[in-house]
C-alpha atoms as a PDB file:
ATOM      1  CA  UNK A   1      79.497  89.821 310.943  1.00  0.00           C
ATOM      2  CA  UNK A   2      82.602  88.360 312.543  1.00  0.00           C
ATOM      3  CA  UNK A   3      83.065  88.922 316.236  1.00  0.00           C
ATOM      4  CA  UNK A   4      86.640  89.726 317.125  1.00  0.00           C
ATOM      5  CA  UNK A   5      87.873  88.568 320.483  1.00  0.00           C
ATOM      6  CA  UNK A   6      90.570  90.670 322.105  1.00  0.00           C
ATOM      7  CA  UNK A   7      93.692  88.558 322.260  1.00  0.00           C
ATOM      8  CA  UNK A   8      96.190  90.898 323.895  1.00  0.00           C
ATOM      9  CA  UNK A   9      98.261  91.506 320.767  1.00  0.00           C
ATOM     10  CA  UNK A  10     100.209  94.293 322.427  1.00  0.00           C
ATOM     11  CA  UNK A  11     103.000  91.830 323.138  1.00  0.00           C
ATOM     12  CA  UNK A  12     105.504  90.659 320.551  1.00  0.00           C
ATOM     13  CA  UNK A  13     105.799  88.761 318.341  1.00  0.00           C
ATOM     14  CA  UNK A  14     102.649  88.671 316.237  1.00  0.00           C
ATOM     15  CA  UNK A  15     101.762  88.712 312.563  1.00  0.00           C
ATOM     16  CA  UNK A  16     100.322  92.010 311.435  1.00  0.00           C
ATOM     17  CA  UNK A  17      96.949  92.277 309.699  1.00  0.00           C
ATOM     18  CA  UNK A  18      97.312  91.711 305.958  1.00  0.00           C
ATOM     19  CA  UNK A  19      95.174  92.101 302.821  1.00  0.00           C
ATOM     20  CA  UNK A  20      95.708  89.226 300.356  1.00  0.00           C
ATOM     21  CA  UNK A  21      93.497  90.596 297.538  1.00  0.00           C
ATOM     22  CA  UNK A  22      90.418  88.694 298.816  1.00  0.00           C
ATOM     23  CA  UNK A  23      90.258  89.209 302.564  1.00  0.00           C
ATOM     24  CA  UNK A  24      91.781  91.294 305.334  1.00  0.00           C
ATOM     25  CA  UNK A  25      93.300  88.776 307.739  1.00  0.00           C
ATOM     26  CA  UNK A  26      93.510  90.008 311.335  1.00  0.00           C
ATOM     27  CA  UNK A  27      96.605  90.454 313.462  1.00  0.00           C
ATOM     28  CA  UNK A  28      97.401  87.061 314.928  1.00  0.00           C
ATOM     29  CA  UNK A  29      99.536  85.833 317.815  1.00  0.00           C
ATOM     30  CA  UNK A  30     102.771  84.124 316.811  1.00  0.00           C
ATOM     31  CA  UNK A  31     102.460  80.359 316.549  1.00  0.00           C
ATOM     32  CA  UNK A  32      98.730  80.450 315.764  1.00  0.00           C
ATOM     33  CA  UNK A  33      96.602  79.529 312.772  1.00  0.00           C
ATOM     34  CA  UNK A  34      93.769  81.866 311.799  1.00  0.00           C
ATOM     35  CA  UNK A  35      90.841  80.211 310.001  1.00  0.00           C
ATOM     36  CA  UNK A  36      87.851  81.767 308.246  1.00  0.00           C
ATOM     37  CA  UNK A  37      84.906  80.101 306.468  1.00  0.00           C
ATOM     38  CA  UNK A  38      85.036  80.451 302.683  1.00  0.00           C
ATOM     39  CA  UNK A  39      81.420  81.646 302.809  1.00  0.00           C
ATOM     40  CA  UNK A  40      82.512  84.689 304.843  1.00  0.00           C
ATOM     41  CA  UNK A  41      85.499  85.515 302.633  1.00  0.00           C
ATOM     42  CA  UNK A  42      83.618  85.153 299.360  1.00  0.00           C
ATOM     43  CA  UNK A  43      80.218  86.460 300.513  1.00  0.00           C
ATOM     44  CA  UNK A  44      80.285  89.272 297.956  1.00  0.00           C
ATOM     45  CA  UNK A  45      81.009  86.834 295.119  1.00  0.00           C
ATOM     46  CA  UNK A  46      77.458  85.416 294.950  1.00  0.00           C
ATOM     47  CA  UNK A  47      76.936  87.136 291.588  1.00  0.00           C
ATOM     48  CA  UNK A  48      79.604  84.911 289.982  1.00  0.00           C
ATOM     49  CA  UNK A  49      78.015  81.704 291.206  1.00  0.00           C
ATOM     50  CA  UNK A  50      79.891  81.058 294.447  1.00  0.00           C
ATOM     51  CA  UNK A  51      78.292  77.954 295.958  1.00  0.00           C
ATOM     52  CA  UNK A  52      79.672  78.132 299.469  1.00  0.00           C
ATOM     53  CA  UNK A  53      76.942  79.471 301.709  1.00  0.00           C
ATOM     54  CA  UNK A  54      76.072  76.037 303.143  1.00  0.00           C
ATOM     55  CA  UNK A  55      79.548  74.491 302.974  1.00  0.00           C
ATOM     56  CA  UNK A  56      82.005  73.945 305.815  1.00  0.00           C
ATOM     57  CA  UNK A  57      85.061  74.797 303.705  1.00  0.00           C
ATOM     58  CA  UNK A  58      87.648  77.088 305.293  1.00  0.00           C
ATOM     59  CA  UNK A  59      90.680  79.109 304.314  1.00  0.00           C
ATOM     60  CA  UNK A  60      93.611  79.674 306.641  1.00  0.00           C
ATOM     61  CA  UNK A  61      96.893  81.456 307.261  1.00  0.00           C
ATOM     62  CA  UNK A  62      99.681  80.392 309.587  1.00  0.00           C
ATOM     63  CA  UNK A  63     101.535  82.855 311.801  1.00  0.00           C
ATOM     64  CA  UNK A  64     105.026  81.501 312.493  1.00  0.00           C
ATOM     65  CA  UNK A  65     106.544  81.594 315.965  1.00  0.00           C
ATOM     66  CA  UNK A  66     108.746  84.520 314.838  1.00  0.00           C
ATOM     67  CA  UNK A  67     105.723  86.698 314.012  1.00  0.00           C
ATOM     68  CA  UNK A  68     105.919  86.365 310.230  1.00  0.00           C
ATOM     69  CA  UNK A  69     103.204  84.878 308.039  1.00  0.00           C
ATOM     70  CA  UNK A  70     104.192  81.483 306.670  1.00  0.00           C
ATOM     71  CA  UNK A  71     104.539  81.623 302.861  1.00  0.00           C
ATOM     72  CA  UNK A  72     104.575  85.449 302.853  1.00  0.00           C
ATOM     73  CA  UNK A  73     101.304  86.840 301.500  1.00  0.00           C
ATOM     74  CA  UNK A  74      99.945  83.441 300.408  1.00  0.00           C
ATOM     75  CA  UNK A  75      96.704  82.145 301.930  1.00  0.00           C
ATOM     76  CA  UNK A  76      95.548  78.533 301.708  1.00  0.00           C
ATOM     77  CA  UNK A  77      92.234  78.729 299.842  1.00  0.00           C
ATOM     78  CA  UNK A  78      92.364  75.085 298.702  1.00  0.00           C
ATOM     79  CA  UNK A  79      89.034  74.101 300.296  1.00  0.00           C
ATOM     80  CA  UNK A  80      87.315  77.124 298.725  1.00  0.00           C
ATOM     81  CA  UNK A  81      88.258  76.278 295.137  1.00  0.00           C
ATOM     82  CA  UNK A  82      85.557  73.647 294.580  1.00  0.00           C
ATOM     83  CA  UNK A  83      82.930  76.200 295.606  1.00  0.00           C
ATOM     84  CA  UNK A  84      83.807  78.599 292.791  1.00  0.00           C
ATOM     85  CA  UNK A  85      82.197  78.169 289.364  1.00  0.00           C
ATOM     86  CA  UNK A  86      84.142  76.172 286.807  1.00  0.00           C
ATOM     87  CA  UNK A  87      84.868  77.780 283.480  1.00  0.00           C
ATOM     88  CA  UNK A  88      85.780  75.579 280.563  1.00  0.00           C
ATOM     89  CA  UNK A  89      88.566  76.773 278.358  1.00  0.00           C
ATOM     90  CA  UNK A  90      88.446  76.059 274.670  1.00  0.00           C
ATOM     91  CA  UNK A  91      91.487  74.493 273.115  1.00  0.00           C
ATOM     92  CA  UNK A  92      93.415  76.741 270.819  1.00  0.00           C
ATOM     93  CA  UNK A  93      93.932  75.579 267.298  1.00  0.00           C
ATOM     94  CA  UNK A  94      97.533  74.861 266.547  1.00  0.00           C
ATOM     95  CA  UNK A  95      98.836  76.154 263.231  1.00  0.00           C
END
């Protein structure tokens, strides 16, 4: 469970809460970076072999000073990628 600290987001500008297909990122004050552990975001992915429960890897989003998320609806999950299972792709035969 994540504890949410009241941050006084009733003043402008701020980035609104957003769902990025993996996680619901909270409303965030402009000019701030919000960070979450990969193990929290991908907790329900244990059945696919997610190996992040003991790792310190984090994902993050940046709220610009104008109250818009940097890179639109893109989240930096770079540190989480090595914790996901690798699937080998077979080469296709060329005809």
